[in-house]
Every structure is written in C-alpha cells, then in structure tokens.
C-alpha cells in the first residue's frame, strides 16, 4: 500500500502506470509485479505499508481474485479513517502485530468496499456507453 503525503509518485502495476498526488492511495496485492518512481521535481514523499500476507490468510484467495482493475483511490474518495489509521501505524514506537493486523484489515475492508463500488460505477458507465 502507498499513501502519498507530499508531492507525487508514479505507481507501476503490471504494465500500467498510475499518477498519485498528495492524499492519494494505491494498493498492490501479493504476487503482482509493481514499482514506484518519481518524475516530479521538488519534495516527494510517500508512506509505504507492507502488509504480511499471513495477516489475511483466511481470505487471501478472495482478495487476490478480486484485485481492482484500477488500484488507486484519489484523495477525494478516501475516508478520514484511513488517514487516521496510517498515522497511528507511523506513530508506533515498537512493533505490535495485533494492532498492525487490525489496522491493515480496516484499510483493506474500507478500500475493497470502495474499489467494488467504484468498479461497479465504472462498469455501469461503460455499459451505458456501449449500448
């Protein structure tokens, strides 16, 4: 997961490249080729959260089979809860696996629900244009 806190970052997922600005969020699932790069000048900073796949072992197959086609969410669509959770993870002075797991699940639950909703809206829009 990547959350841009200043400037911009390019997120490459597979063969696609996505532009993320401050406040944007991207997610990459396990076993998906990806990279990050910066093209902009000035200060560019992002928070990278690496979730251990064992945190989600009971439903990892469902997550991987439902990977979003567009793996980014623009800042206007991000809940304040996500920003809060990310900031709490950053503030941890020592590793707390249970807390980290809970926070990651909050992020994934919220993001997957939003990805599904946006994906359905996109499909309806494209479907309308095709008819």
C-alpha atoms as a PDB file:
ATOM      1  CA  UNK A   1       0.000   0.000   0.000  1.00  0.00           C
ATOM      2  CA  UNK A   2       1.211   3.511  -0.724  1.00  0.00           C
ATOM      3  CA  UNK A   3      -0.134   6.782   0.639  1.00  0.00           C
ATOM      4  CA  UNK A   4       1.339   9.990  -0.804  1.00  0.00           C
ATOM      5  CA  UNK A   5       1.992  12.621   1.871  1.00  0.00           C
ATOM      6  CA  UNK A   6       3.792  15.218  -0.251  1.00  0.00           C
ATOM      7  CA  UNK A   7       4.343  15.836  -3.951  1.00  0.00           C
ATOM      8  CA  UNK A   8       3.603  12.972  -6.322  1.00  0.00           C
ATOM      9  CA  UNK A   9       4.598   9.374  -7.031  1.00  0.00           C
ATOM     10  CA  UNK A  10       4.084   7.103 -10.007  1.00  0.00           C
ATOM     11  CA  UNK A  11       2.855   3.603  -9.155  1.00  0.00           C
ATOM     12  CA  UNK A  12       3.505   0.957 -11.770  1.00  0.00           C
ATOM     13  CA  UNK A  13       1.321  -2.143 -11.529  1.00  0.00           C
ATOM     14  CA  UNK A  14       1.888  -4.751 -14.193  1.00  0.00           C
ATOM     15  CA  UNK A  15       2.190  -2.803 -17.452  1.00  0.00           C
ATOM     16  CA  UNK A  16       0.177   0.212 -16.235  1.00  0.00           C
ATOM     17  CA  UNK A  17       1.469   3.405 -14.637  1.00  0.00           C
ATOM     18  CA  UNK A  18      -0.707   5.468 -12.268  1.00  0.00           C
ATOM     19  CA  UNK A  19      -0.056   9.016 -11.092  1.00  0.00           C
ATOM     20  CA  UNK A  20      -0.652   9.643  -7.390  1.00  0.00           C
ATOM     21  CA  UNK A  21      -0.758  13.106  -5.804  1.00  0.00           C
ATOM     22  CA  UNK A  22      -0.708  14.123  -2.149  1.00  0.00           C
ATOM     23  CA  UNK A  23      -3.513  12.301  -0.321  1.00  0.00           C
ATOM     24  CA  UNK A  24      -3.950   9.572  -2.952  1.00  0.00           C
ATOM     25  CA  UNK A  25      -3.820   5.901  -2.006  1.00  0.00           C
ATOM     26  CA  UNK A  26      -2.679   2.879  -4.005  1.00  0.00           C
ATOM     27  CA  UNK A  27      -2.750  -0.803  -3.234  1.00  0.00           C
ATOM     28  CA  UNK A  28      -0.859  -3.714  -4.784  1.00  0.00           C
ATOM     29  CA  UNK A  29      -1.711  -7.299  -3.958  1.00  0.00           C
ATOM     30  CA  UNK A  30       0.825 -10.103  -3.378  1.00  0.00           C
ATOM     31  CA  UNK A  31       2.429 -11.682  -6.442  1.00  0.00           C
ATOM     32  CA  UNK A  32       1.707  -8.640  -8.626  1.00  0.00           C
ATOM     33  CA  UNK A  33       4.690  -7.012 -10.347  1.00  0.00           C
ATOM     34  CA  UNK A  34       4.921  -3.376  -9.311  1.00  0.00           C
ATOM     35  CA  UNK A  35       7.284  -0.445  -8.818  1.00  0.00           C
ATOM     36  CA  UNK A  36       7.340   3.136  -7.615  1.00  0.00           C
ATOM     37  CA  UNK A  37       9.102   6.075  -9.198  1.00  0.00           C
ATOM     38  CA  UNK A  38       9.206   9.852  -9.016  1.00  0.00           C
ATOM     39  CA  UNK A  39       9.221  12.110 -12.065  1.00  0.00           C
ATOM     40  CA  UNK A  40       8.380  15.408 -10.367  1.00  0.00           C
ATOM     41  CA  UNK A  41      10.871  17.882  -9.058  1.00  0.00           C
ATOM     42  CA  UNK A  42      10.757  19.129  -5.515  1.00  0.00           C
ATOM     43  CA  UNK A  43       9.988  17.109  -2.439  1.00  0.00           C
ATOM     44  CA  UNK A  44       8.032  13.899  -2.996  1.00  0.00           C
ATOM     45  CA  UNK A  45       7.206  11.662  -0.045  1.00  0.00           C
ATOM     46  CA  UNK A  46       5.023   8.622   0.414  1.00  0.00           C
ATOM     47  CA  UNK A  47       4.311   6.109   3.135  1.00  0.00           C
ATOM     48  CA  UNK A  48       4.707   2.513   2.044  1.00  0.00           C
ATOM     49  CA  UNK A  49       2.874  -0.079   4.115  1.00  0.00           C
ATOM     50  CA  UNK A  50       3.873  -3.672   3.578  1.00  0.00           C
ATOM     51  CA  UNK A  51       1.180  -5.991   4.879  1.00  0.00           C
ATOM     52  CA  UNK A  52       2.289  -9.505   5.667  1.00  0.00           C
ATOM     53  CA  UNK A  53       0.022 -11.808   3.589  1.00  0.00           C
ATOM     54  CA  UNK A  54      -0.345 -14.094   6.625  1.00  0.00           C
ATOM     55  CA  UNK A  55      -2.423 -11.312   8.221  1.00  0.00           C
ATOM     56  CA  UNK A  56      -5.131 -12.156   5.705  1.00  0.00           C
ATOM     57  CA  UNK A  57      -4.501 -15.870   5.249  1.00  0.00           C
ATOM     58  CA  UNK A  58      -8.127 -16.828   5.810  1.00  0.00           C
ATOM     59  CA  UNK A  59      -9.259 -14.767   2.802  1.00  0.00           C
ATOM     60  CA  UNK A  60      -6.132 -14.108   0.731  1.00  0.00           C
ATOM     61  CA  UNK A  61      -7.510 -16.070  -2.243  1.00  0.00           C
ATOM     62  CA  UNK A  62     -10.646 -13.899  -2.293  1.00  0.00           C
ATOM     63  CA  UNK A  63      -8.524 -10.741  -2.161  1.00  0.00           C
ATOM     64  CA  UNK A  64      -6.289 -11.862  -4.996  1.00  0.00           C
ATOM     65  CA  UNK A  65      -9.185 -12.979  -7.176  1.00  0.00           C
ATOM     66  CA  UNK A  66     -10.873  -9.598  -6.660  1.00  0.00           C
ATOM     67  CA  UNK A  67      -7.922  -7.311  -7.340  1.00  0.00           C
ATOM     68  CA  UNK A  68      -9.211  -3.961  -8.571  1.00  0.00           C
ATOM     69  CA  UNK A  69      -8.586  -3.113 -12.203  1.00  0.00           C
ATOM     70  CA  UNK A  70      -7.504   0.389 -11.191  1.00  0.00           C
ATOM     71  CA  UNK A  71      -5.547   0.068  -7.916  1.00  0.00           C
ATOM     72  CA  UNK A  72      -5.637   3.717  -6.834  1.00  0.00           C
ATOM     73  CA  UNK A  73      -8.103   5.877  -4.978  1.00  0.00           C
ATOM     74  CA  UNK A  74      -7.921   9.634  -5.284  1.00  0.00           C
ATOM     75  CA  UNK A  75      -7.869  11.734  -2.106  1.00  0.00           C
ATOM     76  CA  UNK A  76     -11.441  12.976  -2.601  1.00  0.00           C
ATOM     77  CA  UNK A  77     -12.697   9.402  -2.155  1.00  0.00           C
ATOM     78  CA  UNK A  78     -10.587   8.468   0.882  1.00  0.00           C
ATOM     79  CA  UNK A  79     -12.211   8.242   4.274  1.00  0.00           C
ATOM     80  CA  UNK A  80     -10.614  10.200   7.148  1.00  0.00           C
ATOM     81  CA  UNK A  81     -10.453   6.839   8.952  1.00  0.00           C
ATOM     82  CA  UNK A  82      -7.780   5.646   6.535  1.00  0.00           C
ATOM     83  CA  UNK A  83      -5.602   8.683   7.155  1.00  0.00           C
ATOM     84  CA  UNK A  84      -6.070   8.187  10.908  1.00  0.00           C
ATOM     85  CA  UNK A  85      -5.096   4.504  10.718  1.00  0.00           C
ATOM     86  CA  UNK A  86      -1.993   5.240   8.640  1.00  0.00           C
ATOM     87  CA  UNK A  87      -0.890   7.932  11.084  1.00  0.00           C
ATOM     88  CA  UNK A  88      -1.392   5.542  14.001  1.00  0.00           C
ATOM     89  CA  UNK A  89       0.776   2.926  12.299  1.00  0.00           C
ATOM     90  CA  UNK A  90       3.519   5.515  11.792  1.00  0.00           C
ATOM     91  CA  UNK A  91       3.419   6.596  15.444  1.00  0.00           C
ATOM     92  CA  UNK A  92       4.035   3.089  16.793  1.00  0.00           C
ATOM     93  CA  UNK A  93       7.309   3.108  18.695  1.00  0.00           C
ATOM     94  CA  UNK A  94       7.534  -0.653  18.862  1.00  0.00           C
ATOM     95  CA  UNK A  95       6.021  -3.399  16.770  1.00  0.00           C
ATOM     96  CA  UNK A  96       2.557  -4.516  17.833  1.00  0.00           C
ATOM     97  CA  UNK A  97       1.481  -7.287  15.473  1.00  0.00           C
ATOM     98  CA  UNK A  98      -2.116  -7.443  16.657  1.00  0.00           C
ATOM     99  CA  UNK A  99      -2.632  -3.707  16.297  1.00  0.00           C
ATOM    100  CA  UNK A 100      -0.921  -3.657  12.898  1.00  0.00           C
ATOM    101  CA  UNK A 101      -3.075  -6.549  11.705  1.00  0.00           C
ATOM    102  CA  UNK A 102      -6.258  -4.821  12.891  1.00  0.00           C
ATOM    103  CA  UNK A 103      -5.333  -1.542  11.211  1.00  0.00           C
ATOM    104  CA  UNK A 104      -4.415  -3.273   7.941  1.00  0.00           C
ATOM    105  CA  UNK A 105      -7.752  -5.070   7.961  1.00  0.00           C
ATOM    106  CA  UNK A 106      -9.563  -1.750   8.461  1.00  0.00           C
ATOM    107  CA  UNK A 107      -7.699  -0.312   5.462  1.00  0.00           C
ATOM    108  CA  UNK A 108      -8.387  -3.350   3.277  1.00  0.00           C
ATOM    109  CA  UNK A 109     -12.049  -3.587   4.231  1.00  0.00           C
ATOM    110  CA  UNK A 110     -12.678   0.064   3.533  1.00  0.00           C
ATOM    111  CA  UNK A 111     -10.626   0.108   0.343  1.00  0.00           C
ATOM    112  CA  UNK A 112     -12.121  -3.093  -1.054  1.00  0.00           C
ATOM    113  CA  UNK A 113     -15.646  -1.770  -0.464  1.00  0.00           C
ATOM    114  CA  UNK A 114     -14.721   1.475  -2.236  1.00  0.00           C
ATOM    115  CA  UNK A 115     -12.945  -0.369  -5.075  1.00  0.00           C
ATOM    116  CA  UNK A 116     -16.028  -2.532  -5.598  1.00  0.00           C
ATOM    117  CA  UNK A 117     -18.343   0.483  -5.565  1.00  0.00           C
ATOM    118  CA  UNK A 118     -16.153   2.483  -7.996  1.00  0.00           C
ATOM    119  CA  UNK A 119     -15.673  -0.562 -10.218  1.00  0.00           C
ATOM    120  CA  UNK A 120     -19.444  -1.116 -10.388  1.00  0.00           C
ATOM    121  CA  UNK A 121     -19.988   2.561 -11.252  1.00  0.00           C
ATOM    122  CA  UNK A 122     -17.340   2.343 -13.984  1.00  0.00           C
ATOM    123  CA  UNK A 123     -18.895  -0.819 -15.425  1.00  0.00           C
ATOM    124  CA  UNK A 124     -22.354   0.793 -15.461  1.00  0.00           C
ATOM    125  CA  UNK A 125     -20.947   3.906 -17.153  1.00  0.00           C
ATOM    126  CA  UNK A 126     -19.049   1.904 -19.761  1.00  0.00           C
ATOM    127  CA  UNK A 127     -22.039  -0.392 -20.235  1.00  0.00           C
ATOM    128  CA  UNK A 128     -24.283   2.585 -20.923  1.00  0.00           C
ATOM    129  CA  UNK A 129     -21.840   3.930 -23.499  1.00  0.00           C
ATOM    130  CA  UNK A 130     -21.645   0.572 -25.266  1.00  0.00           C
ATOM    131  CA  UNK A 131     -25.411   0.364 -25.851  1.00  0.00           C
END
